[in-house]
Amino acid sequence: MPSLHENNWLFFRVMVNVGLRSVGAHHDWATTQTDLERLESFYERDGWYTDGPAADGGW
């Protein structure tokens, strides 16, 4: 599986895999779970998330 930047781009892979799963097509659910956990690590507070890790500014 191609690597993506460690930022909010991970949402694209999550959305594609959720769509594939919903129609019974081949998908990588383990990677989806890993991406969701990584995205959750961007949580700041009060419902706000950063675009990525603070060290690289989310770029």
Protein backbone atom coordinates (compact mmCIF):
# COMPACT_ATOMS: atom_id res chain seq x y z
CA MET A 1 0.00 0.00 0.00
CA PRO A 2 1.43 3.42 -0.91
CA SER A 3 2.38 5.59 2.02
CA LEU A 4 0.64 8.88 2.61
CA HIS A 5 1.81 11.93 4.46
CA GLU A 6 1.06 11.77 8.16
CA ASN A 7 -1.67 14.40 8.02
CA ASN A 8 -5.35 14.79 7.18
CA TRP A 9 -4.75 13.14 3.77
CA LEU A 10 -5.22 9.87 5.63
CA PHE A 11 -8.96 10.64 5.50
CA PHE A 12 -8.96 9.98 1.74
CA ARG A 13 -7.74 6.41 2.19
CA VAL A 14 -10.21 5.88 5.05
CA MET A 15 -13.14 7.13 2.95
CA VAL A 16 -12.18 4.97 -0.05
CA ASN A 17 -11.86 1.85 2.11
CA VAL A 18 -15.18 2.54 3.86
CA GLY A 19 -16.83 2.91 0.45
CA LEU A 20 -15.26 -0.31 -0.83
CA ARG A 21 -16.31 -2.14 2.33
CA SER A 22 -19.90 -0.89 1.97
CA VAL A 23 -20.23 -2.53 -1.47
CA GLY A 24 -18.42 -5.73 -0.51
CA ALA A 25 -15.29 -4.97 -2.55
CA HIS A 26 -11.73 -5.82 -1.54
CA HIS A 27 -10.32 -3.31 0.93
CA ASP A 28 -7.68 -3.05 3.64
CA TRP A 29 -9.59 -2.70 6.89
CA ALA A 30 -6.50 -3.06 9.08
CA THR A 31 -4.91 -0.03 7.41
CA THR A 32 -8.19 1.86 7.79
CA GLN A 33 -8.16 1.20 11.54
CA THR A 34 -4.52 2.28 11.78
CA ASP A 35 -5.26 5.47 9.84
CA LEU A 36 -8.24 6.27 12.07
CA GLU A 37 -6.10 5.82 15.18
CA ARG A 38 -3.46 8.11 13.69
CA LEU A 39 -6.05 10.72 12.78
CA GLU A 40 -7.43 10.55 16.32
CA SER A 41 -3.94 11.36 17.62
CA PHE A 42 -4.31 14.80 15.98
CA TYR A 43 -7.09 15.72 18.45
CA GLU A 44 -6.38 18.91 20.37
CA ARG A 45 -9.38 19.82 22.53
CA ASP A 46 -13.01 20.94 22.42
CA GLY A 47 -13.66 19.15 19.12
CA TRP A 48 -10.63 20.63 17.31
CA TYR A 49 -8.04 18.63 15.42
CA THR A 50 -4.73 19.66 13.89
CA ASP A 51 -4.04 18.86 10.23
CA GLY A 52 -1.17 16.61 11.28
CA PRO A 53 1.61 16.22 13.78
CA ALA A 54 2.65 19.49 15.39
CA ALA A 55 6.33 18.89 14.58
CA ASP A 56 5.81 19.31 10.82
CA GLY A 57 2.89 21.74 10.90
CA GLY A 58 0.62 19.15 9.30
CA TRP A 59 2.07 19.61 5.84
